[in-house]
C-alpha atoms as a PDB file:
ATOM      1  CA  MET A   1      24.243  -5.177  -3.253  1.00  0.00           C
ATOM      2  CA  SER A   2      25.658  -6.735  -0.119  1.00  0.00           C
ATOM      3  CA  ALA A   3      25.156  -5.230   3.272  1.00  0.00           C
ATOM      4  CA  ASP A   4      27.777  -2.776   4.490  1.00  0.00           C
ATOM      5  CA  LEU A   5      28.893  -3.954   7.913  1.00  0.00           C
ATOM      6  CA  THR A   6      29.010  -1.349  10.614  1.00  0.00           C
ATOM      7  CA  LYS A   7      32.365   0.151  11.539  1.00  0.00           C
ATOM      8  CA  SER A   8      31.560   1.658  14.936  1.00  0.00           C
ATOM      9  CA  PRO A   9      29.712   0.472  18.069  1.00  0.00           C
ATOM     10  CA  GLU A  10      27.308   3.422  17.792  1.00  0.00           C
ATOM     11  CA  GLU A  11      26.345   2.601  14.212  1.00  0.00           C
ATOM     12  CA  ALA A  12      26.033  -1.094  15.069  1.00  0.00           C
ATOM     13  CA  ARG A  13      23.716  -0.264  17.959  1.00  0.00           C
ATOM     14  CA  THR A  14      21.603   2.049  15.787  1.00  0.00           C
ATOM     15  CA  ALA A  15      21.360  -0.587  13.040  1.00  0.00           C
ATOM     16  CA  LEU A  16      20.291  -3.202  15.592  1.00  0.00           C
ATOM     17  CA  ILE A  17      17.627  -0.875  16.996  1.00  0.00           C
ATOM     18  CA  ALA A  18      16.340  -0.154  13.471  1.00  0.00           C
ATOM     19  CA  GLY A  19      16.291  -3.871  12.629  1.00  0.00           C
ATOM     20  CA  VAL A  20      14.469  -4.844  15.801  1.00  0.00           C
ATOM     21  CA  GLY A  21      12.124  -1.885  15.309  1.00  0.00           C
ATOM     22  CA  CYS A  22      11.033  -2.924  11.829  1.00  0.00           C
ATOM     23  CA  TYR A  23      10.262  -6.494  12.881  1.00  0.00           C
ATOM     24  CA  LEU A  24       8.445  -5.336  16.023  1.00  0.00           C
ATOM     25  CA  LEU A  25       6.241  -3.089  13.875  1.00  0.00           C
ATOM     26  CA  TRP A  26       5.524  -5.935  11.465  1.00  0.00           C
ATOM     27  CA  GLY A  27       4.848  -8.210  14.429  1.00  0.00           C
ATOM     28  CA  VAL A  28       2.134  -6.021  15.971  1.00  0.00           C
ATOM     29  CA  LEU A  29       0.517  -5.143  12.620  1.00  0.00           C
ATOM     30  CA  PRO A  30      -2.316  -7.683  13.193  1.00  0.00           C
ATOM     31  CA  LEU A  31      -3.495  -5.576  16.140  1.00  0.00           C
ATOM     32  CA  TYR A  32      -3.867  -2.579  13.810  1.00  0.00           C
ATOM     33  CA  PHE A  33      -6.002  -4.482  11.301  1.00  0.00           C
ATOM     34  CA  HIS A  34      -7.956  -6.163  14.093  1.00  0.00           C
ATOM     35  CA  LEU A  35      -8.799  -2.761  15.573  1.00  0.00           C
ATOM     36  CA  LEU A  36      -9.967  -1.448  12.200  1.00  0.00           C
ATOM     37  CA  SER A  37     -12.112  -4.563  11.840  1.00  0.00           C
ATOM     38  CA  LEU A  38     -13.738  -3.901  15.217  1.00  0.00           C
ATOM     39  CA  LEU A  39     -14.603  -0.408  13.931  1.00  0.00           C
ATOM     40  CA  GLY A  40     -16.449  -1.942  10.979  1.00  0.00           C
ATOM     41  CA  VAL A  41     -13.818  -1.398   8.280  1.00  0.00           C
ATOM     42  CA  GLY A  42     -13.821  -4.244   5.752  1.00  0.00           C
ATOM     43  CA  ALA A  43     -10.700  -5.997   4.494  1.00  0.00           C
ATOM     44  CA  TRP A  44     -10.866  -4.537   0.971  1.00  0.00           C
ATOM     45  CA  GLU A  45     -11.243  -1.020   2.370  1.00  0.00           C
ATOM     46  CA  MET A  46      -8.189  -1.599   4.581  1.00  0.00           C
ATOM     47  CA  VAL A  47      -6.141  -2.778   1.608  1.00  0.00           C
ATOM     48  CA  ALA A  48      -7.301   0.197  -0.488  1.00  0.00           C
ATOM     49  CA  HIS A  49      -6.291   2.725   2.165  1.00  0.00           C
ATOM     50  CA  ARG A  50      -2.996   0.927   2.651  1.00  0.00           C
ATOM     51  CA  THR A  51      -2.207   1.219  -1.067  1.00  0.00           C
ATOM     52  CA  LEU A  52      -3.375   4.843  -1.169  1.00  0.00           C
ATOM     53  CA  TRP A  53      -1.596   6.327   1.850  1.00  0.00           C
ATOM     54  CA  ALA A  54       1.607   4.357   1.403  1.00  0.00           C
ATOM     55  CA  ALA A  55       2.451   6.384  -1.746  1.00  0.00           C
ATOM     56  CA  PRO A  56       3.166   9.773  -0.088  1.00  0.00           C
ATOM     57  CA  TRP A  57       5.178   8.094   2.658  1.00  0.00           C
ATOM     58  CA  ALA A  58       7.153   6.134   0.080  1.00  0.00           C
ATOM     59  CA  PHE A  59       7.847   9.417  -1.716  1.00  0.00           C
ATOM     60  CA  LEU A  60       9.081  10.896   1.569  1.00  0.00           C
ATOM     61  CA  ALA A  61      11.409   7.900   1.967  1.00  0.00           C
ATOM     62  CA  VAL A  62      12.793   8.565  -1.530  1.00  0.00           C
ATOM     63  CA  LEU A  63      13.448  12.200  -0.633  1.00  0.00           C
ATOM     64  CA  MET A  64      15.161  11.281   2.634  1.00  0.00           C
ATOM     65  CA  ALA A  65      17.353   8.738   0.818  1.00  0.00           C
ATOM     66  CA  ARG A  66      18.071  11.321  -1.919  1.00  0.00           C
ATOM     67  CA  GLN A  67      17.015   8.886  -4.632  1.00  0.00           C
ATOM     68  CA  GLY A  68      14.993  11.248  -6.803  1.00  0.00           C
ATOM     69  CA  GLY A  69      17.503  10.853  -9.633  1.00  0.00           C
ATOM     70  CA  GLN A  70      17.250   7.076  -9.386  1.00  0.00           C
ATOM     71  CA  VAL A  71      13.448   7.257  -9.624  1.00  0.00           C
ATOM     72  CA  ALA A  72      13.747   9.401 -12.759  1.00  0.00           C
ATOM     73  CA  ALA A  73      16.171   6.877 -14.254  1.00  0.00           C
ATOM     74  CA  VAL A  74      13.839   3.939 -13.518  1.00  0.00           C
ATOM     75  CA  LEU A  75      10.938   5.773 -15.175  1.00  0.00           C
ATOM     76  CA  ARG A  76      12.956   5.711 -18.425  1.00  0.00           C
ATOM     77  CA  GLN A  77      13.463   1.926 -18.272  1.00  0.00           C
ATOM     78  CA  PRO A  78      10.421   0.013 -19.621  1.00  0.00           C
ATOM     79  CA  ARG A  79      11.828  -3.394 -18.619  1.00  0.00           C
ATOM     80  CA  THR A  80      12.393  -2.300 -15.014  1.00  0.00           C
ATOM     81  CA  LEU A  81       8.933  -0.746 -14.878  1.00  0.00           C
ATOM     82  CA  GLY A  82       7.492  -4.012 -16.178  1.00  0.00           C
ATOM     83  CA  ILE A  83       9.243  -6.067 -13.503  1.00  0.00           C
ATOM     84  CA  LEU A  84       8.084  -3.618 -10.840  1.00  0.00           C
ATOM     85  CA  ALA A  85       4.526  -3.965 -12.156  1.00  0.00           C
ATOM     86  CA  LEU A  86       4.786  -7.725 -11.578  1.00  0.00           C
ATOM     87  CA  SER A  87       6.322  -7.250  -8.122  1.00  0.00           C
ATOM     88  CA  THR A  88       3.473  -4.823  -7.359  1.00  0.00           C
ATOM     89  CA  ALA A  89       0.965  -7.554  -8.182  1.00  0.00           C
ATOM     90  CA  ALA A  90       2.837  -9.988  -5.921  1.00  0.00           C
ATOM     91  CA  ILE A  91       2.943  -7.611  -2.948  1.00  0.00           C
ATOM     92  CA  PHE A  92      -0.720  -6.687  -3.487  1.00  0.00           C
ATOM     93  CA  ILE A  93      -1.643 -10.377  -3.298  1.00  0.00           C
ATOM     94  CA  ASN A  94       0.497 -10.731  -0.164  1.00  0.00           C
ATOM     95  CA  TRP A  95      -1.102  -7.723   1.537  1.00  0.00           C
ATOM     96  CA  SER A  96      -4.609  -8.852   0.581  1.00  0.00           C
ATOM     97  CA  ILE A  97      -4.163 -12.417   1.854  1.00  0.00           C
ATOM     98  CA  TYR A  98      -2.661 -11.134   5.088  1.00  0.00           C
ATOM     99  CA  VAL A  99      -5.362  -8.551   5.793  1.00  0.00           C
ATOM    100  CA  PHE A 100      -8.139 -11.022   5.015  1.00  0.00           C
ATOM    101  CA  ALA A 101      -6.447 -13.618   7.236  1.00  0.00           C
ATOM    102  CA  VAL A 102      -6.239 -11.237  10.188  1.00  0.00           C
ATOM    103  CA  THR A 103      -9.797  -9.966   9.850  1.00  0.00           C
ATOM    104  CA  ALA A 104     -11.111 -13.535   9.480  1.00  0.00           C
ATOM    105  CA  GLY A 105      -9.328 -14.765  12.626  1.00  0.00           C
ATOM    106  CA  HIS A 106      -6.445 -16.638  10.991  1.00  0.00           C
ATOM    107  CA  VAL A 107      -3.458 -14.766  12.435  1.00  0.00           C
ATOM    108  CA  ILE A 108      -1.744 -17.988  13.554  1.00  0.00           C
ATOM    109  CA  GLU A 109      -1.982 -19.471  10.065  1.00  0.00           C
ATOM    110  CA  ALA A 110      -0.635 -16.240   8.558  1.00  0.00           C
ATOM    111  CA  SER A 111       2.289 -16.250  10.998  1.00  0.00           C
ATOM    112  CA  LEU A 112       3.193 -19.744   9.780  1.00  0.00           C
ATOM    113  CA  GLY A 113       3.590 -18.276   6.291  1.00  0.00           C
ATOM    114  CA  TYR A 114       6.196 -15.799   7.471  1.00  0.00           C
ATOM    115  CA  TYR A 115       8.055 -18.538   9.362  1.00  0.00           C
ATOM    116  CA  ILE A 116       8.413 -20.689   6.241  1.00  0.00           C
ATOM    117  CA  ASN A 117       9.014 -17.779   3.834  1.00  0.00           C
ATOM    118  CA  PRO A 118      12.818 -17.524   4.366  1.00  0.00           C
ATOM    119  CA  LEU A 119      13.100 -21.292   3.949  1.00  0.00           C
ATOM    120  CA  MET A 120      11.055 -21.058   0.747  1.00  0.00           C
ATOM    121  CA  ASN A 121      13.321 -18.231  -0.445  1.00  0.00           C
ATOM    122  CA  MET A 122      16.325 -20.469   0.105  1.00  0.00           C
ATOM    123  CA  ALA A 123      14.745 -23.275  -1.934  1.00  0.00           C
ATOM    124  CA  ALA A 124      13.804 -20.836  -4.710  1.00  0.00           C
ATOM    125  CA  GLY A 125      17.361 -19.491  -4.770  1.00  0.00           C
ATOM    126  CA  ALA A 126      18.676 -22.998  -5.352  1.00  0.00           C
ATOM    127  CA  LEU A 127      16.138 -23.780  -8.091  1.00  0.00           C
ATOM    128  CA  LEU A 128      16.209 -20.475  -9.958  1.00  0.00           C
ATOM    129  CA  PHE A 129      19.604 -18.940  -9.273  1.00  0.00           C
ATOM    130  CA  ARG A 130      21.685 -22.069  -8.638  1.00  0.00           C
ATOM    131  CA  GLU A 131      22.479 -20.915  -5.119  1.00  0.00           C
ATOM    132  CA  ARG A 132      24.002 -23.644  -2.982  1.00  0.00           C
ATOM    133  CA  ILE A 133      21.927 -25.002  -0.111  1.00  0.00           C
ATOM    134  CA  SER A 134      23.998 -25.898   2.942  1.00  0.00           C
ATOM    135  CA  ARG A 135      23.390 -29.014   5.020  1.00  0.00           C
ATOM    136  CA  GLU A 136      21.646 -26.885   7.643  1.00  0.00           C
ATOM    137  CA  GLY A 137      19.498 -25.309   4.939  1.00  0.00           C
ATOM    138  CA  ALA A 138      18.394 -28.701   3.586  1.00  0.00           C
ATOM    139  CA  ILE A 139      17.520 -29.876   7.098  1.00  0.00           C
ATOM    140  CA  ALA A 140      15.584 -26.661   7.776  1.00  0.00           C
ATOM    141  CA  ILE A 141      13.574 -27.031   4.559  1.00  0.00           C
ATOM    142  CA  GLY A 142      12.844 -30.681   5.382  1.00  0.00           C
ATOM    143  CA  LEU A 143      11.603 -29.770   8.862  1.00  0.00           C
ATOM    144  CA  ALA A 144       9.402 -27.020   7.389  1.00  0.00           C
ATOM    145  CA  VAL A 145       7.864 -29.481   4.916  1.00  0.00           C
ATOM    146  CA  ILE A 146       7.030 -31.840   7.794  1.00  0.00           C
ATOM    147  CA  GLY A 147       5.530 -28.917   9.721  1.00  0.00           C
ATOM    148  CA  VAL A 148       3.317 -27.930   6.787  1.00  0.00           C
ATOM    149  CA  ALA A 149       2.219 -31.568   6.345  1.00  0.00           C
ATOM    150  CA  ILE A 150       1.202 -31.786  10.014  1.00  0.00           C
ATOM    151  CA  GLN A 151      -0.579 -28.426   9.742  1.00  0.00           C
ATOM    152  CA  THR A 152      -2.478 -29.816   6.744  1.00  0.00           C
ATOM    153  CA  ALA A 153      -3.558 -32.822   8.789  1.00  0.00           C
ATOM    154  CA  ALA A 154      -4.578 -30.578  11.701  1.00  0.00           C
ATOM    155  CA  LEU A 155      -6.678 -28.264   9.507  1.00  0.00           C
ATOM    156  CA  GLY A 156      -8.044 -30.997   7.268  1.00  0.00           C
ATOM    157  CA  HIS A 157      -6.832 -29.111   4.196  1.00  0.00           C
ATOM    158  CA  LEU A 158      -3.721 -27.405   2.888  1.00  0.00           C
ATOM    159  CA  PRO A 159      -2.822 -24.286   4.909  1.00  0.00           C
ATOM    160  CA  ILE A 160      -3.791 -22.066   1.977  1.00  0.00           C
ATOM    161  CA  ILE A 161      -3.256 -18.821   3.895  1.00  0.00           C
ATOM    162  CA  SER A 162       0.226 -19.832   5.068  1.00  0.00           C
ATOM    163  CA  LEU A 163       1.289 -21.009   1.620  1.00  0.00           C
ATOM    164  CA  GLY A 164      -0.291 -17.979  -0.061  1.00  0.00           C
ATOM    165  CA  VAL A 165       1.540 -15.558   2.240  1.00  0.00           C
ATOM    166  CA  ALA A 166       4.865 -17.377   1.799  1.00  0.00           C
ATOM    167  CA  LEU A 167       4.575 -17.925  -1.969  1.00  0.00           C
ATOM    168  CA  SER A 168       3.498 -14.364  -2.768  1.00  0.00           C
ATOM    169  CA  PHE A 169       6.313 -12.858  -0.699  1.00  0.00           C
ATOM    170  CA  CYS A 170       8.804 -15.319  -2.180  1.00  0.00           C
ATOM    171  CA  LEU A 171       7.682 -14.319  -5.690  1.00  0.00           C
ATOM    172  CA  TYR A 172       8.023 -10.676  -4.667  1.00  0.00           C
ATOM    173  CA  ALA A 173      11.614 -11.284  -3.509  1.00  0.00           C
ATOM    174  CA  ILE A 174      12.466 -13.108  -6.748  1.00  0.00           C
ATOM    175  CA  LEU A 175      11.117 -10.261  -8.885  1.00  0.00           C
ATOM    176  CA  ARG A 176      12.777  -7.530  -6.819  1.00  0.00           C
ATOM    177  CA  LYS A 177      16.067  -9.398  -7.173  1.00  0.00           C
ATOM    178  CA  GLN A 178      15.883  -8.543 -10.885  1.00  0.00           C
ATOM    179  CA  VAL A 179      15.443  -4.800 -10.257  1.00  0.00           C
ATOM    180  CA  LYS A 180      18.617  -2.727 -10.279  1.00  0.00           C
ATOM    181  CA  ALA A 181      17.324  -0.049  -7.923  1.00  0.00           C
ATOM    182  CA  ASP A 182      17.425   0.596  -4.194  1.00  0.00           C
ATOM    183  CA  ALA A 183      14.561  -0.514  -1.956  1.00  0.00           C
ATOM    184  CA  GLN A 184      13.058   2.950  -1.494  1.00  0.00           C
ATOM    185  CA  THR A 185      12.970   3.628  -5.237  1.00  0.00           C
ATOM    186  CA  GLY A 186      11.327   0.304  -6.058  1.00  0.00           C
ATOM    187  CA  LEU A 187       8.814   0.671  -3.231  1.00  0.00           C
ATOM    188  CA  PHE A 188       7.807   4.143  -4.410  1.00  0.00           C
ATOM    189  CA  ILE A 189       7.138   2.934  -7.962  1.00  0.00           C
ATOM    190  CA  GLU A 190       5.115   0.014  -6.594  1.00  0.00           C
ATOM    191  CA  CYS A 191       3.109   2.343  -4.355  1.00  0.00           C
ATOM    192  CA  VAL A 192       2.364   4.628  -7.305  1.00  0.00           C
ATOM    193  CA  TYR A 193       1.051   1.642  -9.266  1.00  0.00           C
ATOM    194  CA  LEU A 194      -1.188   0.667  -6.339  1.00  0.00           C
ATOM    195  CA  ALA A 195      -2.329   4.156  -5.356  1.00  0.00           C
ATOM    196  CA  VAL A 196      -4.474   4.661  -8.470  1.00  0.00           C
ATOM    197  CA  PRO A 197      -6.835   1.659  -8.019  1.00  0.00           C
ATOM    198  CA  GLY A 198      -6.726   2.276  -4.263  1.00  0.00           C
ATOM    199  CA  LEU A 199      -7.962   5.843  -4.731  1.00  0.00           C
ATOM    200  CA  VAL A 200     -10.659   4.724  -7.173  1.00  0.00           C
ATOM    201  CA  TYR A 201     -11.980   2.135  -4.709  1.00  0.00           C
ATOM    202  CA  VAL A 202     -11.904   4.526  -1.745  1.00  0.00           C
ATOM    203  CA  LEU A 203     -13.801   7.171  -3.747  1.00  0.00           C
ATOM    204  CA  HIS A 204     -16.321   4.509  -4.822  1.00  0.00           C
ATOM    205  CA  LEU A 205     -16.936   3.501  -1.204  1.00  0.00           C
ATOM    206  CA  GLN A 206     -17.273   7.112  -0.074  1.00  0.00           C
ATOM    207  CA  ALA A 207     -19.704   7.937  -2.897  1.00  0.00           C
ATOM    208  CA  ALA A 208     -21.807   4.878  -2.039  1.00  0.00           C
ATOM    209  CA  GLY A 209     -21.883   5.848   1.628  1.00  0.00           C
ATOM    210  CA  ALA A 210     -20.071   2.653   2.595  1.00  0.00           C
ATOM    211  CA  GLY A 211     -16.666   4.182   3.305  1.00  0.00           C
ATOM    212  CA  HIS A 212     -15.378   4.907   6.792  1.00  0.00           C
ATOM    213  CA  PHE A 213     -13.001   7.748   5.961  1.00  0.00           C
ATOM    214  CA  ALA A 214     -14.044  11.070   7.588  1.00  0.00           C
ATOM    215  CA  THR A 215     -16.811   9.340   9.581  1.00  0.00           C
ATOM    216  CA  GLY A 216     -15.005   9.889  12.860  1.00  0.00           C
ATOM    217  CA  ALA A 217     -11.677  11.169  14.139  1.00  0.00           C
ATOM    218  CA  GLY A 218     -10.566   7.783  15.462  1.00  0.00           C
ATOM    219  CA  VAL A 219     -11.253   5.644  12.402  1.00  0.00           C
ATOM    220  CA  THR A 220      -9.986   8.343  10.024  1.00  0.00           C
ATOM    221  CA  THR A 221      -6.710   8.630  11.930  1.00  0.00           C
ATOM    222  CA  LEU A 222      -6.287   4.866  11.859  1.00  0.00           C
ATOM    223  CA  LEU A 223      -6.897   4.745   8.098  1.00  0.00           C
ATOM    224  CA  LEU A 224      -4.334   7.521   7.546  1.00  0.00           C
ATOM    225  CA  LEU A 225      -1.854   5.537   9.637  1.00  0.00           C
ATOM    226  CA  ALA A 226      -1.959   2.791   6.983  1.00  0.00           C
ATOM    227  CA  GLY A 227       0.721   4.774   5.121  1.00  0.00           C
ATOM    228  CA  PRO A 228       3.413   4.914   7.809  1.00  0.00           C
ATOM    229  CA  ALA A 229       2.419   1.447   9.071  1.00  0.00           C
ATOM    230  CA  THR A 230       3.389   0.140   5.635  1.00  0.00           C
ATOM    231  CA  VAL A 231       6.404   2.271   4.725  1.00  0.00           C
ATOM    232  CA  VAL A 232       8.190   2.950   8.042  1.00  0.00           C
ATOM    233  CA  PRO A 233       9.091  -0.694   8.819  1.00  0.00           C
ATOM    234  CA  LEU A 234      10.213  -1.188   5.205  1.00  0.00           C
ATOM    235  CA  ALA A 235      12.431   1.904   5.423  1.00  0.00           C
ATOM    236  CA  LEU A 236      13.901   0.726   8.746  1.00  0.00           C
ATOM    237  CA  PHE A 237      14.544  -2.687   7.215  1.00  0.00           C
ATOM    238  CA  ALA A 238      16.282  -1.236   4.151  1.00  0.00           C
ATOM    239  CA  TRP A 239      18.498   0.972   6.333  1.00  0.00           C
ATOM    240  CA  SER A 240      19.467  -1.729   8.840  1.00  0.00           C
ATOM    241  CA  ALA A 241      19.975  -4.489   6.253  1.00  0.00           C
ATOM    242  CA  ARG A 242      22.785  -2.483   4.636  1.00  0.00           C
ATOM    243  CA  ARG A 243      24.580  -2.120   7.966  1.00  0.00           C
ATOM    244  CA  MET A 244      24.113  -5.473   9.694  1.00  0.00           C
ATOM    245  CA  PRO A 245      25.542  -8.953   9.068  1.00  0.00           C
ATOM    246  CA  LEU A 246      23.200 -11.285   7.214  1.00  0.00           C
ATOM    247  CA  SER A 247      23.196 -13.712  10.143  1.00  0.00           C
ATOM    248  CA  ALA A 248      21.908 -11.006  12.495  1.00  0.00           C
ATOM    249  CA  MET A 249      19.058 -10.154  10.132  1.00  0.00           C
ATOM    250  CA  GLY A 250      18.412 -13.892   9.850  1.00  0.00           C
ATOM    251  CA  PHE A 251      17.772 -14.062  13.574  1.00  0.00           C
ATOM    252  CA  LEU A 252      15.750 -10.839  13.745  1.00  0.00           C
ATOM    253  CA  GLN A 253      13.354 -11.715  10.911  1.00  0.00           C
ATOM    254  CA  PHE A 254      11.612 -14.297  13.104  1.00  0.00           C
ATOM    255  CA  ILE A 255      10.575 -11.657  15.664  1.00  0.00           C
ATOM    256  CA  ALA A 256       7.590 -10.656  13.497  1.00  0.00           C
ATOM    257  CA  PRO A 257       5.925 -14.065  13.015  1.00  0.00           C
ATOM    258  CA  THR A 258       6.555 -14.913  16.678  1.00  0.00           C
ATOM    259  CA  LEU A 259       4.672 -11.799  17.779  1.00  0.00           C
ATOM    260  CA  GLN A 260       1.946 -12.509  15.221  1.00  0.00           C
ATOM    261  CA  PHE A 261       1.641 -16.067  16.512  1.00  0.00           C
ATOM    262  CA  LEU A 262       1.320 -14.844  20.113  1.00  0.00           C
ATOM    263  CA  ILE A 263      -1.291 -12.268  19.084  1.00  0.00           C
ATOM    264  CA  GLY A 264      -3.306 -15.014  17.384  1.00  0.00           C
ATOM    265  CA  VAL A 265      -3.198 -17.108  20.561  1.00  0.00           C
ATOM    266  CA  VAL A 266      -4.209 -14.120  22.736  1.00  0.00           C
ATOM    267  CA  LEU A 267      -7.108 -13.359  20.380  1.00  0.00           C
ATOM    268  CA  GLY A 268      -8.405 -16.846  21.097  1.00  0.00           C
ATOM    269  CA  GLU A 269      -7.710 -18.614  17.815  1.00  0.00           C
ATOM    270  CA  ALA A 270      -7.860 -22.411  17.905  1.00  0.00           C
ATOM    271  CA  PHE A 271      -4.499 -23.964  18.724  1.00  0.00           C
ATOM    272  CA  THR A 272      -4.863 -27.728  18.933  1.00  0.00           C
ATOM    273  CA  PRO A 273      -2.093 -30.154  19.922  1.00  0.00           C
ATOM    274  CA  MET A 274      -1.660 -31.112  16.251  1.00  0.00           C
ATOM    275  CA  ARG A 275      -1.192 -27.475  15.257  1.00  0.00           C
ATOM    276  CA  ALA A 276       1.260 -27.069  18.139  1.00  0.00           C
ATOM    277  CA  LEU A 277       3.236 -30.062  16.836  1.00  0.00           C
ATOM    278  CA  SER A 278       3.390 -28.523  13.373  1.00  0.00           C
ATOM    279  CA  PHE A 279       4.852 -25.340  14.839  1.00  0.00           C
ATOM    280  CA  VAL A 280       7.435 -27.373  16.772  1.00  0.00           C
ATOM    281  CA  PHE A 281       8.812 -28.638  13.457  1.00  0.00           C
ATOM    282  CA  ILE A 282       8.651 -25.136  11.942  1.00  0.00           C
ATOM    283  CA  TRP A 283      10.490 -23.663  14.933  1.00  0.00           C
ATOM    284  CA  LEU A 284      13.120 -26.404  14.716  1.00  0.00           C
ATOM    285  CA  GLY A 285      13.588 -25.538  11.040  1.00  0.00           C
ATOM    286  CA  VAL A 286      13.889 -21.859  11.939  1.00  0.00           C
ATOM    287  CA  ALA A 287      16.521 -22.646  14.586  1.00  0.00           C
ATOM    288  CA  VAL A 288      18.564 -24.732  12.137  1.00  0.00           C
ATOM    289  CA  PHE A 289      18.243 -22.025   9.474  1.00  0.00           C
ATOM    290  CA  ALA A 290      19.409 -19.295  11.886  1.00  0.00           C
ATOM    291  CA  TYR A 291      22.306 -21.463  13.074  1.00  0.00           C
ATOM    292  CA  GLY A 292      23.419 -22.075   9.486  1.00  0.00           C
ATOM    293  CA  ALA A 293      23.325 -18.340   8.713  1.00  0.00           C
ATOM    294  CA  TRP A 294      25.359 -17.573  11.847  1.00  0.00           C
ATOM    295  CA  LYS A 295      27.916 -20.280  11.016  1.00  0.00           C
ATOM    296  CA  ARG A 296      28.411 -19.014   7.446  1.00  0.00           C
ATOM    297  CA  THR A 297      28.946 -15.443   8.578  1.00  0.00           C
ATOM    298  CA  ARG A 298      31.353 -16.568  11.298  1.00  0.00           C
ATOM    299  CA  ALA A 299      33.340 -18.575   8.744  1.00  0.00           C
ATOM    300  CA  VAL A 300      33.605 -15.506   6.500  1.00  0.00           C
ATOM    301  CA  ALA A 301      34.731 -13.341   9.425  1.00  0.00           C
ATOM    302  CA  ILE A 302      37.443 -15.832  10.451  1.00  0.00           C
ATOM    303  CA  ALA A 303      38.672 -16.157   6.852  1.00  0.00           C
END
């Protein structure tokens, strides 16, 4: 379903605030995982708590969006449930790679994945759905490929984290494109799928005395915050995307990886001249991509 453009300055301003808010939250998420890591929480425990506590918040989002009937309808559709099971696996892989990247000191490499993800989505749309790639889009993809090649040379190997983050999220987008349900409904079903193994793993850690839940007010609060940290930005995104032009969202989506990149630099991750050059090509691709999105929307508005 296409986004519903705002009809009043107040609604436009609120949509912009929501859009910026979601990408700001995603952008500072590495600090959250980094803090948990400093408190001794392992990556798998972080992922487990994220999958566990996201479920009740996703249910709250369904209630606020009044989509209970839609959830009931989806539960009677085996094909839709099957697709959502696959999208759940894709988002689980994405979350896991990202959390492990942050806790292992690879925030910069992870940020690269989210820079190239929209360009990868565009290429996938052309290959799988016969969507037309504009001249700007082709140039942007070409620049991104050069950037990844330079990053490979700088690291001495393929940027596995970057490609893993981008590919898993691209696969997630492709699968969700096949689901005839609103974002909140799909997210809730995915969270329910993930909550069961998440709960089992958390209980296993607690029983073995290796879990951090209820070992202190600070760490327990942070683990509980995994729910809203996951669901709130997604809910803000879903709300703003339906009320903002695609070109505006195209610009805003690069706020998150830019903040992540800066956080990686501040945390002292290696940033050699070769890696800097790779990001120059990625940023050029991003600029061309954003310009193309703006031009297409402007052409539609004039027509």
